[in-house]
Amino acid sequence: MIFDSALIAKDRDPELRKRMLDKIDEIFEGKLPMYKATYDEYLQPVKLERMKPKLRLVKK
C-alpha cells in the first residue's frame, strides 16, 4: 500500500519524479541499465535501445 502510494505521487508530481530518479542514480551509481522504447500506433513496443550510461571522471 505504501509503495503504491509512492508510485501514484511520482506520477502526479514531475519534480518528485526527477528527485526519485536522481536518488536512484545516486544509490546505484548508474549501474542499472536504462532503455528507450519505441512504440507503434497500437502502443506495442517495437524497438528497445539501451541508453548510454552517465560516465564521470574519477581521480586517484
N, C-alpha and C. Protein backbone atom coordinates (compact mmCIF):
# COMPACT_ATOMS: atom_id res chain seq x y z
N MET A 1 0.82 -1.18 0.00
CA MET A 1 0.00 0.00 0.00
C MET A 1 0.88 1.27 0.00
N ILE A 2 1.95 1.27 0.76
CA ILE A 2 2.85 2.42 0.79
C ILE A 2 3.55 2.58 -0.55
N PHE A 3 4.02 1.46 -1.10
CA PHE A 3 4.70 1.50 -2.40
C PHE A 3 3.76 2.03 -3.48
N ASP A 4 2.52 1.58 -3.45
CA ASP A 4 1.52 2.03 -4.42
C ASP A 4 1.29 3.54 -4.30
N SER A 5 1.21 4.05 -3.09
CA SER A 5 1.03 5.48 -2.87
C SER A 5 2.22 6.28 -3.38
N ALA A 6 3.43 5.75 -3.19
CA ALA A 6 4.64 6.43 -3.68
C ALA A 6 4.63 6.51 -5.20
N LEU A 7 4.21 5.44 -5.87
CA LEU A 7 4.16 5.45 -7.34
C LEU A 7 3.11 6.43 -7.86
N ILE A 8 1.98 6.52 -7.18
CA ILE A 8 0.94 7.46 -7.60
C ILE A 8 1.43 8.89 -7.43
N ALA A 9 2.10 9.17 -6.31
CA ALA A 9 2.64 10.52 -6.07
C ALA A 9 3.71 10.86 -7.11
N LYS A 10 4.53 9.88 -7.49
CA LYS A 10 5.57 10.10 -8.50
C LYS A 10 4.93 10.46 -9.85
N ASP A 11 3.85 9.80 -10.20
CA ASP A 11 3.19 10.06 -11.47
C ASP A 11 2.53 11.45 -11.51
N ARG A 12 2.09 11.93 -10.36
CA ARG A 12 1.39 13.23 -10.31
C ARG A 12 2.33 14.43 -10.26
N ASP A 13 3.55 14.23 -9.73
CA ASP A 13 4.45 15.36 -9.49
C ASP A 13 5.75 15.17 -10.26
N PRO A 14 5.97 15.94 -11.35
CA PRO A 14 7.20 15.78 -12.14
C PRO A 14 8.48 16.09 -11.35
N GLU A 15 8.41 17.04 -10.41
CA GLU A 15 9.59 17.36 -9.60
C GLU A 15 9.95 16.19 -8.69
N LEU A 16 8.95 15.55 -8.10
CA LEU A 16 9.19 14.38 -7.26
C LEU A 16 9.77 13.24 -8.09
N ARG A 17 9.27 13.06 -9.32
CA ARG A 17 9.78 12.02 -10.21
C ARG A 17 11.27 12.24 -10.48
N LYS A 18 11.65 13.50 -10.76
CA LYS A 18 13.06 13.81 -11.03
C LYS A 18 13.92 13.54 -9.81
N ARG A 19 13.44 13.95 -8.62
CA ARG A 19 14.21 13.71 -7.39
C ARG A 19 14.36 12.22 -7.11
N MET A 20 13.30 11.43 -7.37
CA MET A 20 13.38 9.99 -7.15
C MET A 20 14.38 9.34 -8.10
N LEU A 21 14.37 9.75 -9.37
CA LEU A 21 15.31 9.19 -10.34
C LEU A 21 16.74 9.58 -10.00
N ASP A 22 16.94 10.82 -9.53
CA ASP A 22 18.28 11.25 -9.11
C ASP A 22 18.76 10.44 -7.91
N LYS A 23 17.87 10.14 -6.98
CA LYS A 23 18.24 9.36 -5.80
C LYS A 23 18.58 7.92 -6.20
N ILE A 24 17.84 7.36 -7.15
CA ILE A 24 18.15 6.00 -7.63
C ILE A 24 19.52 5.99 -8.30
N ASP A 25 19.81 7.02 -9.10
CA ASP A 25 21.14 7.12 -9.72
C ASP A 25 22.23 7.24 -8.66
N GLU A 26 21.96 8.00 -7.61
CA GLU A 26 22.95 8.16 -6.54
C GLU A 26 23.19 6.85 -5.80
N ILE A 27 22.14 6.11 -5.53
CA ILE A 27 22.27 4.85 -4.79
C ILE A 27 22.98 3.80 -5.62
N PHE A 28 22.55 3.63 -6.86
CA PHE A 28 23.11 2.56 -7.70
C PHE A 28 24.26 3.03 -8.57
N GLU A 29 24.59 4.32 -8.53
CA GLU A 29 25.71 4.90 -9.26
C GLU A 29 25.69 4.57 -10.75
N GLY A 30 24.52 4.62 -11.35
CA GLY A 30 24.40 4.41 -12.78
C GLY A 30 24.61 2.96 -13.22
N LYS A 31 24.52 2.01 -12.29
CA LYS A 31 24.76 0.61 -12.64
C LYS A 31 23.52 -0.08 -13.19
N LEU A 32 22.36 0.55 -13.07
CA LEU A 32 21.15 -0.03 -13.63
C LEU A 32 21.05 0.34 -15.11
N PRO A 33 20.88 -0.62 -15.99
CA PRO A 33 20.75 -0.29 -17.41
C PRO A 33 19.42 0.42 -17.68
N MET A 34 19.48 1.44 -18.54
CA MET A 34 18.28 2.19 -18.90
C MET A 34 18.01 1.95 -20.38
N TYR A 35 16.73 1.86 -20.74
CA TYR A 35 16.33 1.59 -22.12
C TYR A 35 15.34 2.63 -22.59
N LYS A 36 15.38 2.89 -23.90
CA LYS A 36 14.41 3.78 -24.55
C LYS A 36 13.53 2.89 -25.42
N ALA A 37 12.22 3.00 -25.25
CA ALA A 37 11.29 2.17 -26.00
C ALA A 37 10.61 2.99 -27.09
N THR A 38 10.44 2.38 -28.25
CA THR A 38 9.69 2.97 -29.36
C THR A 38 8.43 2.12 -29.55
N TYR A 39 7.28 2.80 -29.66
CA TYR A 39 6.00 2.11 -29.76
C TYR A 39 5.34 2.36 -31.12
N ASP A 40 4.51 1.41 -31.55
CA ASP A 40 3.75 1.60 -32.78
C ASP A 40 2.41 2.26 -32.46
N GLU A 41 1.53 2.37 -33.45
CA GLU A 41 0.25 3.07 -33.26
C GLU A 41 -0.69 2.35 -32.30
N TYR A 42 -0.43 1.06 -32.02
CA TYR A 42 -1.25 0.29 -31.09
C TYR A 42 -0.61 0.23 -29.71
N LEU A 43 0.41 1.06 -29.49
CA LEU A 43 1.17 1.12 -28.24
C LEU A 43 1.86 -0.19 -27.88
N GLN A 44 2.24 -0.92 -28.90
CA GLN A 44 3.03 -2.13 -28.71
C GLN A 44 4.50 -1.77 -28.87
N PRO A 45 5.38 -2.24 -27.98
CA PRO A 45 6.81 -1.92 -28.15
C PRO A 45 7.36 -2.51 -29.43
N VAL A 46 8.04 -1.68 -30.20
CA VAL A 46 8.60 -2.10 -31.47
C VAL A 46 10.11 -2.26 -31.35
N LYS A 47 10.73 -1.37 -30.59
CA LYS A 47 12.18 -1.35 -30.53
C LYS A 47 12.64 -0.90 -29.15
N LEU A 48 13.63 -1.58 -28.59
CA LEU A 48 14.25 -1.19 -27.34
C LEU A 48 15.70 -0.86 -27.60
N GLU A 49 16.13 0.32 -27.16
CA GLU A 49 17.52 0.73 -27.32
C GLU A 49 18.10 1.00 -25.94
N ARG A 50 19.27 0.46 -25.68
CA ARG A 50 19.92 0.72 -24.40
C ARG A 50 20.54 2.11 -24.44
N MET A 51 20.25 2.90 -23.42
CA MET A 51 20.79 4.25 -23.35
C MET A 51 22.21 4.20 -22.79
N LYS A 52 23.04 5.13 -23.23
CA LYS A 52 24.41 5.17 -22.76
C LYS A 52 24.43 5.60 -21.29
N PRO A 53 25.29 4.98 -20.49
CA PRO A 53 25.34 5.35 -19.07
C PRO A 53 25.98 6.72 -18.88
N LYS A 54 25.65 7.35 -17.76
CA LYS A 54 26.27 8.62 -17.40
C LYS A 54 27.65 8.31 -16.83
N LEU A 55 28.68 8.77 -17.48
CA LEU A 55 30.04 8.50 -17.03
C LEU A 55 30.59 9.73 -16.34
N ARG A 56 31.45 9.50 -15.36
CA ARG A 56 32.10 10.61 -14.70
C ARG A 56 33.58 10.27 -14.49
N LEU A 57 34.41 11.28 -14.48
CA LEU A 57 35.84 11.11 -14.32
C LEU A 57 36.17 10.97 -12.84
N VAL A 58 36.93 9.94 -12.52
CA VAL A 58 37.33 9.68 -11.14
C VAL A 58 38.84 9.81 -11.05
N LYS A 59 39.31 10.66 -10.13
CA LYS A 59 40.76 10.85 -9.95
C LYS A 59 41.24 9.94 -8.83
N LYS A 60 42.49 9.50 -8.94
CA LYS A 60 43.10 8.68 -7.88
C LYS A 60 43.62 9.55 -6.77
